[in-house]
C-alpha atoms as a PDB file:
ATOM      1  CA  MET A   1      30.457 124.840  79.021  1.00  0.00           C
ATOM      2  CA  ARG A   2      31.113 127.742  76.544  1.00  0.00           C
ATOM      3  CA  THR A   3      34.714 127.337  76.904  1.00  0.00           C
ATOM      4  CA  ASN A   4      34.397 123.642  76.045  1.00  0.00           C
ATOM      5  CA  LEU A   5      32.386 124.368  73.014  1.00  0.00           C
ATOM      6  CA  PHE A   6      34.678 126.877  71.885  1.00  0.00           C
ATOM      7  CA  LEU A   7      37.646 124.535  72.212  1.00  0.00           C
ATOM      8  CA  LEU A   8      35.824 121.661  70.622  1.00  0.00           C
ATOM      9  CA  THR A   9      35.008 123.902  67.417  1.00  0.00           C
ATOM     10  CA  LEU A  10      38.384 125.518  67.294  1.00  0.00           C
ATOM     11  CA  THR A  11      39.668 121.604  67.395  1.00  0.00           C
ATOM     12  CA  ALA A  12      37.437 120.682  64.650  1.00  0.00           C
ATOM     13  CA  SER A  13      38.083 123.587  62.501  1.00  0.00           C
ATOM     14  CA  THR A  14      42.044 123.172  62.931  1.00  0.00           C
ATOM     15  CA  THR A  15      41.668 119.539  61.994  1.00  0.00           C
ATOM     16  CA  LEU A  16      39.450 120.337  58.778  1.00  0.00           C
ATOM     17  CA  LEU A  17      41.992 122.889  57.807  1.00  0.00           C
ATOM     18  CA  LEU A  18      44.997 120.620  58.189  1.00  0.00           C
ATOM     19  CA  SER A  19      43.364 117.841  56.481  1.00  0.00           C
ATOM     20  CA  SER A  20      42.404 119.741  53.544  1.00  0.00           C
ATOM     21  CA  CYS A  21      45.957 121.147  53.207  1.00  0.00           C
ATOM     22  CA  GLY A  22      47.366 117.813  52.993  1.00  0.00           C
ATOM     23  CA  SER A  23      44.970 116.713  50.234  1.00  0.00           C
ATOM     24  CA  LYS A  24      45.854 120.117  48.378  1.00  0.00           C
ATOM     25  CA  ALA A  25      49.500 119.449  48.404  1.00  0.00           C
ATOM     26  CA  THR A  26      48.727 115.861  46.960  1.00  0.00           C
ATOM     27  CA  THR A  27      46.804 117.494  44.177  1.00  0.00           C
ATOM     28  CA  GLU A  28      49.231 120.062  43.266  1.00  0.00           C
ATOM     29  CA  ALA A  29      52.059 117.728  43.129  1.00  0.00           C
ATOM     30  CA  ALA A  30      49.808 115.583  40.740  1.00  0.00           C
ATOM     31  CA  ALA A  31      48.612 118.803  38.820  1.00  0.00           C
ATOM     32  CA  ALA A  32      52.241 120.194  38.267  1.00  0.00           C
ATOM     33  CA  PRO A  33      53.303 117.909  35.372  1.00  0.00           C
ATOM     34  CA  ALA A  34      49.892 118.572  33.686  1.00  0.00           C
ATOM     35  CA  ALA A  35      50.326 122.531  34.117  1.00  0.00           C
ATOM     36  CA  ALA A  36      53.959 122.020  32.542  1.00  0.00           C
ATOM     37  CA  ALA A  37      52.545 120.314  29.688  1.00  0.00           C
ATOM     38  CA  ASP A  38      50.040 122.856  29.136  1.00  0.00           C
ATOM     39  CA  THR A  39      52.741 125.535  28.668  1.00  0.00           C
ATOM     40  CA  SER A  40      54.983 123.583  26.544  1.00  0.00           C
ATOM     41  CA  ALA A  41      52.815 124.095  23.529  1.00  0.00           C
ATOM     42  CA  THR A  42      54.925 124.107  20.065  1.00  0.00           C
ATOM     43  CA  ALA A  43      52.199 126.567  18.758  1.00  0.00           C
ATOM     44  CA  PRO A  44      53.509 130.486  18.345  1.00  0.00           C
ATOM     45  CA  ALA A  45      51.942 132.643  21.017  1.00  0.00           C
ATOM     46  CA  SER A  46      49.845 134.557  18.388  1.00  0.00           C
ATOM     47  CA  ALA A  47      48.046 131.356  17.542  1.00  0.00           C
ATOM     48  CA  THR A  48      47.225 130.335  21.137  1.00  0.00           C
ATOM     49  CA  ALA A  49      46.105 134.086  22.093  1.00  0.00           C
ATOM     50  CA  SER A  50      42.961 132.706  24.032  1.00  0.00           C
ATOM     51  CA  TYR A  51      43.187 130.156  26.755  1.00  0.00           C
ATOM     52  CA  TYR A  52      41.250 128.631  29.481  1.00  0.00           C
ATOM     53  CA  THR A  53      42.124 129.250  33.168  1.00  0.00           C
ATOM     54  CA  CYS A  54      40.452 128.785  36.481  1.00  0.00           C
ATOM     55  CA  GLU A  55      39.068 131.852  38.409  1.00  0.00           C
ATOM     56  CA  MET A  56      40.545 130.923  41.597  1.00  0.00           C
ATOM     57  CA  HIS A  57      43.877 129.294  40.215  1.00  0.00           C
ATOM     58  CA  PRO A  58      45.036 131.604  37.499  1.00  0.00           C
ATOM     59  CA  GLU A  59      48.231 129.763  37.091  1.00  0.00           C
ATOM     60  CA  ILE A  60      46.173 127.105  35.606  1.00  0.00           C
ATOM     61  CA  HIS A  61      46.221 127.158  31.912  1.00  0.00           C
ATOM     62  CA  SER A  62      44.657 124.928  29.135  1.00  0.00           C
ATOM     63  CA  ASP A  63      44.052 125.289  25.468  1.00  0.00           C
ATOM     64  CA  LYS A  64      40.667 123.457  25.863  1.00  0.00           C
ATOM     65  CA  PRO A  65      37.620 123.897  28.264  1.00  0.00           C
ATOM     66  CA  GLY A  66      37.693 121.594  31.299  1.00  0.00           C
ATOM     67  CA  LYS A  67      37.961 121.396  34.930  1.00  0.00           C
ATOM     68  CA  CYS A  68      40.672 122.737  37.282  1.00  0.00           C
ATOM     69  CA  PRO A  69      42.895 120.142  38.426  1.00  0.00           C
ATOM     70  CA  LYS A  70      43.059 121.734  41.839  1.00  0.00           C
ATOM     71  CA  CYS A  71      39.461 122.730  42.665  1.00  0.00           C
ATOM     72  CA  GLY A  72      37.251 121.164  40.165  1.00  0.00           C
ATOM     73  CA  MET A  73      35.952 124.565  38.848  1.00  0.00           C
ATOM     74  CA  ASN A  74      35.075 125.038  35.172  1.00  0.00           C
ATOM     75  CA  LEU A  75      37.909 126.530  33.355  1.00  0.00           C
ATOM     76  CA  VAL A  76      36.771 130.014  31.775  1.00  0.00           C
ATOM     77  CA  LYS A  77      37.927 131.373  28.298  1.00  0.00           C
ATOM     78  CA  LYS A  78      40.509 134.226  28.645  1.00  0.00           C
END
């Protein structure tokens, strides 16, 4: 009985993990052009000294507040 419960829990966890990884890859692919657009600003670096980023995904940068395209968290000012 305990073995069956363990295997069921393990299977459910693995399925959940794999299904979330698949959606993350799709989200990353969709977010890649947006992230590239944010870094291609024409303003000099001194004018854009502050930016907004996700605490969980520091590679995400934006010049205005908003939500992280990967996880949906609020972007914080740096």
